[in-house]
Amino acid sequence: MRKYLLSALLALPLPALADPAMECSDTGSQIELRDCLKGDQIRANAALSQALGYAREAAADLDDTTGRQSAGPALEAAQQSWEAFRDAHCDFVGATFGGGSGTGITILSCRISLTRGRVEALMDHAG
């Protein structure tokens, strides 16, 4: 089983293995690490906004082509559900730190990772 898991992990693209906190780890203090992550979060959110715009355009085009109004509303419902999941999941991940000093960093890192994954998923359906 481990052999297959290792093979699967090695087959993933490098960004899939990246941890945002590790990307910023050479910054020094926790304050500098948090500032680096906040910058990453801003960039991830900007990419999400752009990808969501592309996905909305593709959904509108599909709805126009088919004469139905299903892709656009489905995308909006999925996005709202995803945002709720991201926030709840990352709050859970942060709670596992028991209020320790790394809690905020862990939550930021979680949100960045999930947002990057959402960008990728949206781009798969953006036309």
Protein backbone atom coordinates (compact mmCIF):
# COMPACT_ATOMS: atom_id res chain seq x y z
CA MET A 1 0.00 0.00 0.00
CA ARG A 2 2.77 2.47 0.90
CA LYS A 3 4.51 1.71 -2.37
CA TYR A 4 1.41 2.79 -4.30
CA LEU A 5 0.92 5.88 -2.16
CA LEU A 6 4.53 6.93 -2.68
CA SER A 7 4.21 6.35 -6.42
CA ALA A 8 1.06 8.47 -6.49
CA LEU A 9 2.73 11.28 -4.56
CA LEU A 10 5.76 11.26 -6.82
CA ALA A 11 3.49 11.49 -9.85
CA LEU A 12 1.92 14.72 -8.57
CA PRO A 13 3.16 18.02 -9.95
CA LEU A 14 5.52 19.81 -7.57
CA PRO A 15 3.06 22.60 -6.66
CA ALA A 16 0.64 19.98 -5.35
CA LEU A 17 3.24 19.04 -2.75
CA ALA A 18 4.09 22.62 -1.79
CA ASP A 19 3.10 23.94 1.63
CA PRO A 20 2.65 27.72 1.72
CA ALA A 21 4.25 27.95 5.17
CA MET A 22 7.30 26.07 3.88
CA GLU A 23 7.50 28.44 0.89
CA CYS A 24 7.79 31.34 3.34
CA SER A 25 9.90 29.53 5.95
CA ASP A 26 13.13 31.35 5.15
CA THR A 27 11.62 34.67 6.25
CA GLY A 28 12.71 34.37 9.89
CA SER A 29 10.26 35.24 12.67
CA GLN A 30 6.63 34.22 12.96
CA ILE A 31 5.64 37.81 12.21
CA GLU A 32 7.63 37.76 8.97
CA LEU A 33 6.21 34.34 8.12
CA ARG A 34 2.66 35.59 8.71
CA ASP A 35 3.34 38.67 6.54
CA CYS A 36 4.70 36.45 3.75
CA LEU A 37 1.62 34.23 3.97
CA LYS A 38 -0.70 37.25 3.91
CA GLY A 39 0.94 38.28 0.63
CA ASP A 40 0.47 34.76 -0.72
CA GLN A 41 -3.17 34.83 0.38
CA ILE A 42 -3.74 38.11 -1.47
CA ARG A 43 -2.23 36.63 -4.64
CA ALA A 44 -4.21 33.38 -4.27
CA ASN A 45 -7.45 35.33 -3.78
CA ALA A 46 -6.69 37.45 -6.86
CA ALA A 47 -6.12 34.28 -8.90
CA LEU A 48 -9.37 32.85 -7.52
CA SER A 49 -11.26 35.95 -8.55
CA GLN A 50 -9.82 35.75 -12.06
CA ALA A 51 -10.51 32.01 -12.40
CA LEU A 52 -14.05 32.50 -11.11
CA GLY A 53 -14.57 35.20 -13.72
CA TYR A 54 -13.43 32.84 -16.47
CA ALA A 55 -15.66 30.05 -15.12
CA ARG A 56 -18.63 32.43 -14.95
CA GLU A 57 -18.08 33.43 -18.58
CA ALA A 58 -17.88 29.79 -19.65
CA ALA A 59 -21.02 28.94 -17.66
CA ALA A 60 -22.91 31.88 -19.20
CA ASP A 61 -21.81 30.83 -22.68
CA LEU A 62 -22.97 27.28 -22.01
CA ASP A 63 -26.31 28.49 -20.67
CA ASP A 64 -26.76 30.72 -23.73
CA THR A 65 -25.88 27.88 -26.09
CA THR A 66 -28.18 25.35 -24.44
CA GLY A 67 -30.99 27.78 -23.68
CA ARG A 68 -30.96 26.63 -20.07
CA GLN A 69 -30.03 28.51 -16.95
CA SER A 70 -28.28 25.74 -15.05
CA ALA A 71 -24.49 26.09 -15.35
CA GLY A 72 -24.32 29.63 -13.94
CA PRO A 73 -26.49 28.96 -10.88
CA ALA A 74 -24.71 25.65 -10.29
CA LEU A 75 -21.35 27.43 -10.33
CA GLU A 76 -22.57 30.05 -7.85
CA ALA A 77 -23.96 27.39 -5.51
CA ALA A 78 -20.71 25.42 -5.74
CA GLN A 79 -18.63 28.52 -5.02
CA GLN A 80 -20.69 29.41 -1.94
CA SER A 81 -20.41 25.83 -0.68
CA TRP A 82 -16.69 25.74 -1.35
CA GLU A 83 -16.12 29.01 0.53
CA ALA A 84 -18.06 27.69 3.52
CA PHE A 85 -16.06 24.44 3.41
CA ARG A 86 -12.72 26.28 3.14
CA ASP A 87 -13.49 28.51 6.10
CA ALA A 88 -14.85 25.70 8.29
CA HIS A 89 -12.07 23.26 7.41
CA CYS A 90 -9.27 25.74 7.98
CA ASP A 91 -10.83 26.81 11.28
CA PHE A 92 -10.83 23.13 12.26
CA VAL A 93 -7.18 22.76 11.22
CA GLY A 94 -6.33 25.83 13.30
CA ALA A 95 -8.26 24.46 16.28
CA THR A 96 -6.03 21.38 16.26
CA PHE A 97 -3.21 23.67 17.38
CA GLY A 98 -5.02 24.30 20.67
CA GLY A 99 -4.57 28.06 20.51
CA GLY A 100 -0.81 27.84 20.13
CA SER A 101 1.27 30.54 18.48
CA GLY A 102 1.22 28.75 15.12
CA THR A 103 -2.58 28.74 14.85
CA GLY A 104 -2.90 31.83 12.63
CA ILE A 105 -0.07 30.69 10.38
CA THR A 106 -1.68 27.28 10.01
CA ILE A 107 -5.06 28.78 9.11
CA LEU A 108 -3.50 31.09 6.51
CA SER A 109 -1.52 28.23 5.01
CA CYS A 110 -4.64 26.06 4.84
CA ARG A 111 -6.66 28.78 3.12
CA ILE A 112 -3.90 29.40 0.57
CA SER A 113 -3.61 25.70 -0.23
CA LEU A 114 -7.33 25.21 -0.66
CA THR A 115 -7.67 28.41 -2.69
CA ARG A 116 -4.91 27.29 -5.05
CA GLY A 117 -6.72 23.99 -5.51
CA ARG A 118 -10.00 25.79 -6.20
CA VAL A 119 -8.32 27.96 -8.85
CA GLU A 120 -7.08 24.81 -10.56
CA ALA A 121 -10.54 23.20 -10.40
CA LEU A 122 -12.24 26.31 -11.80
CA MET A 123 -9.74 26.56 -14.63
CA ASP A 124 -10.55 22.98 -15.61
CA HIS A 125 -14.09 24.21 -16.38
CA ALA A 126 -13.37 27.70 -17.64
CA GLY A 127 -13.56 26.98 -21.30
